[in-house]
Amino acid sequence: MRNVKFVIVLISLFFLASCGLVHLGEGKVNLVIDHSFPGFAADSVKITVNKISVHLAGHYDVDLGIEPADVEFTSQGAISLGSFGLNAGSYDSIKIEFGGGEVVIGGQSFQVEMVSSSVKVPVDFKVEKDGELTLIIKLEGNSFVSAGGSFQFNPVVSVAVQY
């Protein structure tokens, strides 16, 4: 009889955990944004990142709570968006919401028109209790289109997971 109660308790805890109702610990997620703009001859490119959320597989979106940030891309490479605590579990996508932007070429500034202000990228990753991983968000050069003296930004994004 004690074994039956024990099994019922275990099954109940497993069910509650799978529904996200029991907190199974937390891991650390580092966010990095990188770019590849080959052939795009700009002095600088600045894009505002308004919000980033991830999707807990089979459940709901989790807003990472980043403050809107102007990300300026230079030849320096990747830029850290910070580190965040995230509940342990399996995640299957990331959504990035962008604001405006600016491109500077030859000292002249051009505002960037947003063709699409958000992008959802499928990416499978698992956050382990007390674990750490890095999500590398990569913006591709063909995200920018020149349109008669202005630039349009249509985000072409990929995401890599580094454990």
Protein backbone atom coordinates (compact mmCIF):
# COMPACT_ATOMS: atom_id res chain seq x y z
CA MET A 1 0.00 0.00 0.00
CA ARG A 2 2.89 2.37 0.79
CA ASN A 3 4.42 1.68 -2.62
CA VAL A 4 1.14 2.57 -4.34
CA LYS A 5 0.98 5.92 -2.50
CA PHE A 6 4.61 6.60 -3.35
CA VAL A 7 3.98 5.89 -7.04
CA ILE A 8 0.87 8.13 -7.04
CA VAL A 9 2.87 10.97 -5.46
CA LEU A 10 5.66 10.56 -8.03
CA ILE A 11 3.21 10.53 -10.93
CA SER A 12 1.48 13.62 -9.53
CA LEU A 13 4.76 15.51 -9.16
CA PHE A 14 5.81 14.53 -12.68
CA PHE A 15 2.48 15.75 -14.06
CA LEU A 16 2.66 19.04 -12.18
CA ALA A 17 6.26 19.56 -13.27
CA SER A 18 5.39 18.90 -16.93
CA CYS A 19 2.60 21.48 -16.67
CA GLY A 20 5.05 24.02 -15.29
CA LEU A 21 3.32 24.13 -11.93
CA VAL A 22 6.28 22.81 -9.95
CA HIS A 23 9.55 24.71 -10.15
CA LEU A 24 12.37 22.24 -10.86
CA GLY A 25 15.22 24.69 -10.41
CA GLU A 26 16.79 27.30 -12.57
CA GLY A 27 19.69 27.61 -14.95
CA LYS A 28 21.55 30.55 -16.43
CA VAL A 29 21.10 31.66 -20.05
CA ASN A 30 23.56 34.09 -21.62
CA LEU A 31 22.30 36.03 -24.66
CA VAL A 32 24.73 37.14 -27.34
CA ILE A 33 23.86 38.88 -30.59
CA ASP A 34 26.25 38.63 -33.52
CA HIS A 35 26.20 39.73 -37.12
CA SER A 36 27.52 38.87 -40.52
CA PHE A 37 27.32 41.76 -42.97
CA PRO A 38 29.71 40.76 -45.78
CA GLY A 39 29.71 43.25 -48.62
CA PHE A 40 27.61 45.72 -46.61
CA ALA A 41 29.81 48.83 -46.55
CA ALA A 42 28.46 50.74 -43.56
CA ASP A 43 30.39 52.72 -40.95
CA SER A 44 27.96 51.47 -38.33
CA VAL A 45 24.62 49.73 -37.96
CA LYS A 46 22.37 50.19 -34.95
CA ILE A 47 19.20 48.20 -34.30
CA THR A 48 16.95 48.42 -31.24
CA VAL A 49 16.07 45.10 -29.58
CA ASN A 50 12.83 45.65 -27.62
CA LYS A 51 12.03 42.21 -26.24
CA ILE A 52 13.23 38.61 -26.28
CA SER A 53 11.14 35.65 -25.19
CA VAL A 54 11.61 31.89 -25.34
CA HIS A 55 8.94 29.20 -25.58
CA LEU A 56 8.79 26.43 -22.97
CA ALA A 57 8.08 23.38 -25.15
CA GLY A 58 4.38 22.51 -25.12
CA HIS A 59 3.47 25.33 -22.75
CA TYR A 60 3.97 29.10 -22.90
CA ASP A 61 6.30 31.97 -23.78
CA VAL A 62 8.69 33.29 -21.15
CA ASP A 63 9.70 36.96 -21.45
CA LEU A 64 13.38 37.29 -20.53
CA GLY A 65 12.78 40.83 -19.30
CA ILE A 66 15.49 42.63 -21.22
CA GLU A 67 15.35 46.38 -21.29
CA PRO A 68 15.08 47.79 -24.83
CA ALA A 69 18.65 48.15 -26.04
CA ASP A 70 20.28 49.83 -29.02
CA VAL A 71 22.72 47.27 -30.36
CA GLU A 72 25.47 48.86 -32.43
CA PHE A 73 27.28 46.50 -34.74
CA THR A 74 30.89 47.22 -35.55
CA SER A 75 33.74 45.06 -36.73
CA GLN A 76 34.18 44.05 -33.07
CA GLY A 77 31.83 41.05 -33.41
CA ALA A 78 29.42 39.65 -30.85
CA ILE A 79 27.65 41.80 -28.25
CA SER A 80 26.32 40.49 -24.92
CA LEU A 81 22.68 41.24 -24.10
CA GLY A 82 23.12 39.90 -20.55
CA SER A 83 22.52 36.79 -18.49
CA PHE A 84 19.13 35.60 -17.28
CA GLY A 85 17.78 32.98 -14.90
CA LEU A 86 15.41 30.58 -16.64
CA ASN A 87 13.41 27.70 -15.23
CA ALA A 88 14.84 24.26 -15.97
CA GLY A 89 13.12 22.60 -18.90
CA SER A 90 13.07 22.09 -22.66
CA TYR A 91 12.53 25.10 -24.91
CA ASP A 92 11.75 25.07 -28.63
CA SER A 93 11.92 28.63 -29.98
CA ILE A 94 13.05 32.18 -29.38
CA LYS A 95 11.19 35.35 -30.40
CA ILE A 96 12.99 38.64 -30.91
CA GLU A 97 11.13 41.94 -31.23
CA PHE A 98 12.98 44.79 -32.90
CA GLY A 99 12.46 48.56 -32.82
CA GLY A 100 13.92 51.10 -35.19
CA GLY A 101 17.44 51.42 -36.40
CA GLU A 102 20.07 53.53 -38.07
CA VAL A 103 22.74 52.91 -40.71
CA VAL A 104 25.68 55.29 -41.12
CA ILE A 105 27.53 55.29 -44.45
CA GLY A 106 30.25 57.82 -45.24
CA GLY A 107 29.24 59.82 -42.18
CA GLN A 108 25.64 60.16 -43.39
CA SER A 109 22.90 58.72 -41.19
CA PHE A 110 19.92 56.79 -42.60
CA GLN A 111 16.91 55.66 -40.59
CA VAL A 112 16.00 52.02 -40.93
CA GLU A 113 12.42 51.10 -41.82
CA MET A 114 11.25 47.89 -40.18
CA VAL A 115 9.74 45.46 -42.71
CA SER A 116 9.08 43.00 -39.91
CA SER A 117 9.40 44.03 -36.28
CA SER A 118 9.65 40.50 -34.89
CA VAL A 119 10.96 37.10 -35.79
CA LYS A 120 10.40 33.70 -34.20
CA VAL A 121 13.19 31.18 -34.69
CA PRO A 122 12.82 27.48 -33.91
CA VAL A 123 15.70 26.33 -31.71
CA ASP A 124 15.74 23.38 -29.33
CA PHE A 125 17.65 23.78 -26.09
CA LYS A 126 17.44 22.43 -22.59
CA VAL A 127 18.06 24.42 -19.43
CA GLU A 128 19.42 22.24 -16.64
CA LYS A 129 19.09 23.05 -12.95
CA ASP A 130 22.20 25.06 -12.02
CA GLY A 131 23.43 24.71 -15.62
CA GLU A 132 24.54 27.42 -18.01
CA LEU A 133 24.23 27.89 -21.75
CA THR A 134 24.63 30.63 -24.32
CA LEU A 135 22.17 31.49 -27.08
CA ILE A 136 23.97 33.15 -29.98
CA ILE A 137 21.53 35.19 -32.06
CA LYS A 138 23.02 35.79 -35.50
CA LEU A 139 21.73 38.55 -37.79
CA GLU A 140 22.58 37.92 -41.43
CA GLY A 141 23.75 40.58 -43.88
CA ASN A 142 20.81 40.11 -46.21
CA SER A 143 18.55 41.50 -43.45
CA PHE A 144 19.14 44.98 -44.91
CA VAL A 145 17.78 46.16 -48.24
CA SER A 146 18.63 49.55 -49.74
CA ALA A 147 15.50 51.27 -51.01
CA GLY A 148 16.06 54.62 -52.71
CA GLY A 149 18.15 56.42 -50.10
CA SER A 150 16.81 54.53 -47.11
CA PHE A 151 17.24 51.07 -45.66
CA GLN A 152 14.73 48.41 -44.81
CA PHE A 153 15.35 45.79 -42.13
CA ASN A 154 13.77 42.40 -42.64
CA PRO A 155 15.42 40.24 -39.97
CA VAL A 156 17.14 37.09 -41.19
CA VAL A 157 18.08 35.36 -37.96
CA SER A 158 19.59 32.08 -36.89
CA VAL A 159 20.29 30.90 -33.34
CA ALA A 160 23.05 28.62 -32.11
CA VAL A 161 23.20 27.00 -28.68
CA GLN A 162 26.49 26.71 -26.85
CA TYR A 163 26.54 24.51 -23.72
